[in-house]
């Protein structure tokens, strides 16, 4: 006995059955932070734009470099 669906489908075709029902997702569980403060990230807690942190770090490195060069010239 032949399957009536298989008999009507030619050999070079195929049938795909796709289930598009979304899967249930569990709600995210908040992870407690060690400091007992809400964990929004250290950068969000500082309230400082990241560009200012990078600029401040570059100025600090420049100041340390200049201080080292001046100290080396005085010692020589």
C-alpha atoms as a PDB file:
ATOM      1  CA  UNK A   1       0.000   0.000   0.000  1.00  0.00           C
ATOM      2  CA  UNK A   2       1.423   3.392  -1.021  1.00  0.00           C
ATOM      3  CA  UNK A   3       1.258   6.619   0.903  1.00  0.00           C
ATOM      4  CA  UNK A   4      -1.038   8.999  -1.073  1.00  0.00           C
ATOM      5  CA  UNK A   5       1.123  12.033  -0.251  1.00  0.00           C
ATOM      6  CA  UNK A   6       4.309  10.285  -1.334  1.00  0.00           C
ATOM      7  CA  UNK A   7       2.672   9.178  -4.549  1.00  0.00           C
ATOM      8  CA  UNK A   8       1.767  12.755  -5.520  1.00  0.00           C
ATOM      9  CA  UNK A   9       5.271  14.169  -4.866  1.00  0.00           C
ATOM     10  CA  UNK A  10       7.813  13.698  -7.653  1.00  0.00           C
ATOM     11  CA  UNK A  11      11.209  12.142  -6.876  1.00  0.00           C
ATOM     12  CA  UNK A  12      13.172  15.397  -7.210  1.00  0.00           C
ATOM     13  CA  UNK A  13      11.000  17.351  -4.715  1.00  0.00           C
ATOM     14  CA  UNK A  14      10.974  17.253  -0.945  1.00  0.00           C
ATOM     15  CA  UNK A  15       8.604  18.397   1.767  1.00  0.00           C
ATOM     16  CA  UNK A  16       9.663  20.384   4.839  1.00  0.00           C
ATOM     17  CA  UNK A  17       7.374  20.808   7.820  1.00  0.00           C
ATOM     18  CA  UNK A  18       8.454  23.779   9.965  1.00  0.00           C
ATOM     19  CA  UNK A  19       7.045  24.516  13.397  1.00  0.00           C
ATOM     20  CA  UNK A  20       7.339  28.257  14.090  1.00  0.00           C
ATOM     21  CA  UNK A  21       5.859  28.174  17.577  1.00  0.00           C
ATOM     22  CA  UNK A  22       8.149  30.257  19.837  1.00  0.00           C
ATOM     23  CA  UNK A  23       9.707  28.404  22.722  1.00  0.00           C
ATOM     24  CA  UNK A  24       8.927  29.685  26.203  1.00  0.00           C
ATOM     25  CA  UNK A  25      11.812  31.578  27.745  1.00  0.00           C
ATOM     26  CA  UNK A  26      12.297  31.739  31.488  1.00  0.00           C
ATOM     27  CA  UNK A  27      12.516  35.214  33.018  1.00  0.00           C
ATOM     28  CA  UNK A  28      16.079  36.339  33.745  1.00  0.00           C
ATOM     29  CA  UNK A  29      17.079  35.881  37.332  1.00  0.00           C
ATOM     30  CA  UNK A  30      19.067  38.755  38.858  1.00  0.00           C
ATOM     31  CA  UNK A  31      22.468  37.747  40.129  1.00  0.00           C
ATOM     32  CA  UNK A  32      23.293  39.359  43.456  1.00  0.00           C
ATOM     33  CA  UNK A  33      26.448  41.423  43.338  1.00  0.00           C
ATOM     34  CA  UNK A  34      29.139  41.003  46.014  1.00  0.00           C
ATOM     35  CA  UNK A  35      28.709  44.620  47.136  1.00  0.00           C
ATOM     36  CA  UNK A  36      24.955  44.166  47.704  1.00  0.00           C
ATOM     37  CA  UNK A  37      24.338  47.070  45.294  1.00  0.00           C
ATOM     38  CA  UNK A  38      22.295  46.542  42.143  1.00  0.00           C
ATOM     39  CA  UNK A  39      24.673  45.265  39.490  1.00  0.00           C
ATOM     40  CA  UNK A  40      24.389  47.683  36.581  1.00  0.00           C
ATOM     41  CA  UNK A  41      28.076  47.472  35.776  1.00  0.00           C
ATOM     42  CA  UNK A  42      30.906  49.490  37.275  1.00  0.00           C
ATOM     43  CA  UNK A  43      30.822  51.995  34.440  1.00  0.00           C
ATOM     44  CA  UNK A  44      27.134  52.752  34.925  1.00  0.00           C
ATOM     45  CA  UNK A  45      27.735  53.298  38.642  1.00  0.00           C
ATOM     46  CA  UNK A  46      30.483  55.855  37.980  1.00  0.00           C
ATOM     47  CA  UNK A  47      28.261  57.910  35.692  1.00  0.00           C
ATOM     48  CA  UNK A  48      31.313  58.828  33.611  1.00  0.00           C
ATOM     49  CA  UNK A  49      31.425  58.566  29.850  1.00  0.00           C
ATOM     50  CA  UNK A  50      34.000  55.945  28.732  1.00  0.00           C
ATOM     51  CA  UNK A  51      35.740  58.510  26.507  1.00  0.00           C
ATOM     52  CA  UNK A  52      36.630  60.591  29.572  1.00  0.00           C
ATOM     53  CA  UNK A  53      38.122  57.534  31.277  1.00  0.00           C
ATOM     54  CA  UNK A  54      40.293  56.813  28.223  1.00  0.00           C
ATOM     55  CA  UNK A  55      41.336  60.462  27.942  1.00  0.00           C
ATOM     56  CA  UNK A  56      42.181  60.578  31.654  1.00  0.00           C
ATOM     57  CA  UNK A  57      44.263  57.413  31.377  1.00  0.00           C
ATOM     58  CA  UNK A  58      46.157  58.820  28.404  1.00  0.00           C
ATOM     59  CA  UNK A  59      46.905  62.050  30.278  1.00  0.00           C
ATOM     60  CA  UNK A  60      48.064  60.092  33.313  1.00  0.00           C
ATOM     61  CA  UNK A  61      50.433  57.987  31.192  1.00  0.00           C
ATOM     62  CA  UNK A  62      51.750  61.122  29.513  1.00  0.00           C
ATOM     63  CA  UNK A  63      52.394  62.805  32.881  1.00  0.00           C
ATOM     64  CA  UNK A  64      54.212  59.730  34.226  1.00  0.00           C
ATOM     65  CA  UNK A  65      56.302  59.538  31.038  1.00  0.00           C
ATOM     66  CA  UNK A  66      57.295  63.199  31.265  1.00  0.00           C
ATOM     67  CA  UNK A  67      58.175  62.785  34.955  1.00  0.00           C
ATOM     68  CA  UNK A  68      60.384  59.786  34.161  1.00  0.00           C
ATOM     69  CA  UNK A  69      62.169  61.623  31.331  1.00  0.00           C
ATOM     70  CA  UNK A  70      62.799  64.669  33.542  1.00  0.00           C
ATOM     71  CA  UNK A  71      64.096  62.440  36.360  1.00  0.00           C
ATOM     72  CA  UNK A  72      66.400  60.589  33.945  1.00  0.00           C
ATOM     73  CA  UNK A  73      67.835  63.855  32.581  1.00  0.00           C
ATOM     74  CA  UNK A  74      68.508  65.177  36.074  1.00  0.00           C
ATOM     75  CA  UNK A  75      70.311  61.982  37.025  1.00  0.00           C
ATOM     76  CA  UNK A  76      72.554  62.007  33.950  1.00  0.00           C
END
